Amino acid sequence: MINVLFFARLKDQIGQAELSLDNEFAGKTVAELQQVLIVQGMVALQDRSIRIALNQNFCEPDAVIKGGDEIAFMPPVTGG
């Protein structure tokens, strides 16, 4: 299984904090996964400022997913 996590406003906009996917996405890039999720209706992921982490480390869009990985989508954080 591949676990996908959504944080902050993405969690609210998508309506869930977590999604479990079959290993069918193994071998694809995180950008390809992001595009599939957008097509499935998770349009909040279209924001180009979203950061992506693979196994708790920020990654580039061309990072390749393996079975058992955790992918997290998070908006930029602002503080004050």
N, C-alpha and C. Protein backbone atom coordinates (compact mmCIF):
# COMPACT_ATOMS: atom_id res chain seq x y z
N MET A 1 0.83 -1.19 0.00
CA MET A 1 0.00 0.00 0.00
C MET A 1 0.88 1.26 0.00
N ILE A 2 0.36 2.27 -0.59
CA ILE A 2 1.00 3.59 -0.60
C ILE A 2 0.07 4.52 0.18
N ASN A 3 0.60 5.20 1.17
CA ASN A 3 -0.20 6.11 1.98
C ASN A 3 0.02 7.53 1.49
N VAL A 4 -1.07 8.25 1.30
CA VAL A 4 -1.03 9.64 0.87
C VAL A 4 -1.65 10.48 1.98
N LEU A 5 -0.94 11.51 2.42
CA LEU A 5 -1.40 12.37 3.49
C LEU A 5 -1.63 13.78 2.96
N PHE A 6 -2.66 14.44 3.50
CA PHE A 6 -2.99 15.81 3.13
C PHE A 6 -2.97 16.65 4.41
N PHE A 7 -2.31 17.80 4.38
CA PHE A 7 -2.17 18.62 5.56
C PHE A 7 -2.82 19.99 5.39
N ALA A 8 -3.14 20.60 6.54
CA ALA A 8 -3.65 21.97 6.64
C ALA A 8 -4.87 22.17 5.75
N ARG A 9 -4.88 23.25 4.97
CA ARG A 9 -6.06 23.56 4.16
C ARG A 9 -6.35 22.50 3.11
N LEU A 10 -5.33 21.77 2.67
CA LEU A 10 -5.57 20.70 1.68
C LEU A 10 -6.47 19.63 2.28
N LYS A 11 -6.23 19.29 3.52
CA LYS A 11 -7.06 18.30 4.21
C LYS A 11 -8.52 18.77 4.22
N ASP A 12 -8.72 20.05 4.51
CA ASP A 12 -10.08 20.59 4.56
C ASP A 12 -10.72 20.65 3.16
N GLN A 13 -9.96 21.08 2.19
CA GLN A 13 -10.50 21.21 0.83
C GLN A 13 -10.79 19.85 0.19
N ILE A 14 -9.94 18.88 0.45
CA ILE A 14 -10.12 17.55 -0.12
C ILE A 14 -11.15 16.74 0.67
N GLY A 15 -11.25 17.03 1.96
CA GLY A 15 -12.25 16.36 2.78
C GLY A 15 -11.76 15.12 3.48
N GLN A 16 -10.46 14.90 3.46
CA GLN A 16 -9.89 13.76 4.17
C GLN A 16 -8.41 14.03 4.44
N ALA A 17 -7.90 13.39 5.47
CA ALA A 17 -6.51 13.60 5.85
C ALA A 17 -5.59 12.55 5.25
N GLU A 18 -6.15 11.42 4.86
CA GLU A 18 -5.32 10.29 4.44
C GLU A 18 -6.03 9.48 3.38
N LEU A 19 -5.23 8.87 2.53
CA LEU A 19 -5.74 8.04 1.45
C LEU A 19 -4.78 6.87 1.28
N SER A 20 -5.29 5.66 1.21
CA SER A 20 -4.45 4.48 0.96
C SER A 20 -4.67 4.01 -0.46
N LEU A 21 -3.58 3.81 -1.18
CA LEU A 21 -3.65 3.38 -2.58
C LEU A 21 -2.93 2.05 -2.75
N ASP A 22 -3.38 1.30 -3.72
CA ASP A 22 -2.68 0.06 -4.06
C ASP A 22 -1.30 0.42 -4.61
N ASN A 23 -0.46 -0.58 -4.69
CA ASN A 23 0.90 -0.36 -5.19
C ASN A 23 0.96 -0.11 -6.70
N GLU A 24 -0.20 0.09 -7.33
CA GLU A 24 -0.22 0.36 -8.77
C GLU A 24 0.53 1.64 -9.13
N PHE A 25 0.75 2.52 -8.14
CA PHE A 25 1.47 3.76 -8.39
C PHE A 25 2.98 3.60 -8.19
N ALA A 26 3.41 2.44 -7.75
CA ALA A 26 4.85 2.19 -7.63
C ALA A 26 5.47 2.30 -9.02
N GLY A 27 6.59 3.00 -9.08
CA GLY A 27 7.27 3.22 -10.36
C GLY A 27 6.88 4.53 -11.03
N LYS A 28 5.83 5.15 -10.54
CA LYS A 28 5.42 6.45 -11.07
C LYS A 28 6.06 7.55 -10.23
N THR A 29 6.06 8.76 -10.74
CA THR A 29 6.62 9.88 -9.99
C THR A 29 5.53 10.50 -9.11
N VAL A 30 5.96 11.29 -8.13
CA VAL A 30 4.98 11.96 -7.27
C VAL A 30 4.17 12.96 -8.10
N ALA A 31 4.76 13.56 -9.13
CA ALA A 31 4.03 14.47 -10.02
C ALA A 31 2.93 13.73 -10.78
N GLU A 32 3.23 12.51 -11.23
CA GLU A 32 2.21 11.72 -11.93
C GLU A 32 1.07 11.36 -10.98
N LEU A 33 1.39 11.00 -9.75
CA LEU A 33 0.36 10.71 -8.75
C LEU A 33 -0.48 11.96 -8.50
N GLN A 34 0.17 13.09 -8.34
CA GLN A 34 -0.53 14.34 -8.10
C GLN A 34 -1.52 14.62 -9.24
N GLN A 35 -1.10 14.41 -10.47
CA GLN A 35 -1.97 14.66 -11.62
C GLN A 35 -3.16 13.70 -11.62
N VAL A 36 -2.95 12.44 -11.28
CA VAL A 36 -4.05 11.47 -11.21
C VAL A 36 -5.07 11.91 -10.16
N LEU A 37 -4.59 12.35 -9.01
CA LEU A 37 -5.49 12.79 -7.94
C LEU A 37 -6.28 14.04 -8.36
N ILE A 38 -5.64 14.94 -9.09
CA ILE A 38 -6.34 16.13 -9.59
C ILE A 38 -7.46 15.71 -10.54
N VAL A 39 -7.17 14.80 -11.45
CA VAL A 39 -8.17 14.31 -12.41
C VAL A 39 -9.33 13.64 -11.67
N GLN A 40 -9.04 12.99 -10.54
CA GLN A 40 -10.09 12.34 -9.75
C GLN A 40 -10.91 13.32 -8.92
N GLY A 41 -10.62 14.61 -9.04
CA GLY A 41 -11.44 15.61 -8.37
C GLY A 41 -10.77 16.36 -7.24
N MET A 42 -9.54 16.04 -6.93
CA MET A 42 -8.83 16.73 -5.84
C MET A 42 -8.12 17.96 -6.40
N VAL A 43 -8.94 18.91 -6.89
CA VAL A 43 -8.42 20.07 -7.59
C VAL A 43 -7.59 20.99 -6.70
N ALA A 44 -7.72 20.87 -5.40
CA ALA A 44 -6.89 21.68 -4.49
C ALA A 44 -5.41 21.39 -4.70
N LEU A 45 -5.08 20.25 -5.27
CA LEU A 45 -3.68 19.88 -5.50
C LEU A 45 -3.08 20.58 -6.71
N GLN A 46 -3.86 21.40 -7.41
CA GLN A 46 -3.35 22.14 -8.57
C GLN A 46 -2.46 23.31 -8.16
N ASP A 47 -2.51 23.72 -6.94
CA ASP A 47 -1.73 24.85 -6.43
C ASP A 47 -0.24 24.54 -6.58
N ARG A 48 0.47 25.36 -7.34
CA ARG A 48 1.89 25.12 -7.61
C ARG A 48 2.79 25.35 -6.39
N SER A 49 2.25 25.97 -5.35
CA SER A 49 3.06 26.22 -4.15
C SER A 49 3.05 25.04 -3.17
N ILE A 50 2.31 23.99 -3.50
CA ILE A 50 2.25 22.81 -2.62
C ILE A 50 3.61 22.14 -2.55
N ARG A 51 3.99 21.78 -1.34
CA ARG A 51 5.23 21.01 -1.12
C ARG A 51 4.87 19.54 -1.04
N ILE A 52 5.76 18.69 -1.52
CA ILE A 52 5.53 17.25 -1.49
C ILE A 52 6.68 16.60 -0.74
N ALA A 53 6.33 15.69 0.15
CA ALA A 53 7.34 14.93 0.88
C ALA A 53 7.15 13.44 0.57
N LEU A 54 8.26 12.76 0.42
CA LEU A 54 8.27 11.32 0.19
C LEU A 54 8.99 10.70 1.37
N ASN A 55 8.28 9.89 2.13
CA ASN A 55 8.83 9.26 3.33
C ASN A 55 9.44 10.30 4.28
N GLN A 56 8.68 11.37 4.50
CA GLN A 56 9.00 12.43 5.46
C GLN A 56 10.20 13.29 5.07
N ASN A 57 10.56 13.29 3.80
CA ASN A 57 11.62 14.16 3.29
C ASN A 57 11.08 14.89 2.07
N PHE A 58 11.23 16.23 2.06
CA PHE A 58 10.79 16.97 0.89
C PHE A 58 11.49 16.42 -0.35
N CYS A 59 10.75 16.38 -1.45
CA CYS A 59 11.30 15.78 -2.67
C CYS A 59 10.94 16.63 -3.88
N GLU A 60 11.57 16.32 -4.97
CA GLU A 60 11.28 16.95 -6.26
C GLU A 60 10.11 16.20 -6.92
N PRO A 61 9.41 16.85 -7.85
CA PRO A 61 8.27 16.20 -8.51
C PRO A 61 8.63 14.92 -9.26
N ASP A 62 9.89 14.76 -9.63
CA ASP A 62 10.28 13.56 -10.39
C ASP A 62 10.72 12.40 -9.50
N ALA A 63 10.53 12.52 -8.17
CA ALA A 63 10.87 11.42 -7.26
C ALA A 63 9.96 10.23 -7.56
N VAL A 64 10.54 9.04 -7.58
CA VAL A 64 9.81 7.82 -7.95
C VAL A 64 9.25 7.15 -6.69
N ILE A 65 8.00 6.74 -6.78
CA ILE A 65 7.30 6.08 -5.68
C ILE A 65 7.58 4.58 -5.70
N LYS A 66 7.75 4.03 -4.49
CA LYS A 66 7.90 2.58 -4.33
C LYS A 66 6.77 2.07 -3.44
N GLY A 67 6.48 0.79 -3.52
CA GLY A 67 5.46 0.20 -2.66
C GLY A 67 5.80 0.44 -1.20
N GLY A 68 4.80 0.80 -0.40
CA GLY A 68 5.01 1.06 1.01
C GLY A 68 5.40 2.49 1.34
N ASP A 69 5.57 3.33 0.32
CA ASP A 69 5.97 4.71 0.55
C ASP A 69 4.83 5.54 1.14
N GLU A 70 5.22 6.65 1.74
CA GLU A 70 4.27 7.64 2.25
C GLU A 70 4.53 8.95 1.51
N ILE A 71 3.48 9.50 0.91
CA ILE A 71 3.58 10.76 0.20
C ILE A 71 2.71 11.76 0.93
N ALA A 72 3.24 12.93 1.21
CA ALA A 72 2.49 13.97 1.90
C ALA A 72 2.45 15.22 1.04
N PHE A 73 1.24 15.77 0.92
CA PHE A 73 1.03 17.03 0.22
C PHE A 73 0.72 18.09 1.26
N MET A 74 1.45 19.21 1.21
CA MET A 74 1.20 20.26 2.19
C MET A 74 1.38 21.63 1.56
N PRO A 75 0.51 22.56 1.95
CA PRO A 75 0.66 23.92 1.46
C PRO A 75 1.81 24.60 2.19
N PRO A 76 2.29 25.71 1.63
CA PRO A 76 3.33 26.44 2.35
C PRO A 76 2.77 26.94 3.69
N VAL A 77 3.60 26.98 4.68
CA VAL A 77 3.18 27.37 6.02
C VAL A 77 3.59 28.82 6.24
N THR A 78 2.66 29.58 6.79
CA THR A 78 2.99 30.96 7.16
C THR A 78 2.87 31.09 8.66
N GLY A 79 3.64 31.93 9.19
CA GLY A 79 3.60 32.14 10.64
C GLY A 79 3.58 33.62 10.94
N GLY A 80 3.46 33.92 12.21
CA GLY A 80 3.42 35.33 12.52
C GLY A 80 3.70 35.59 13.97
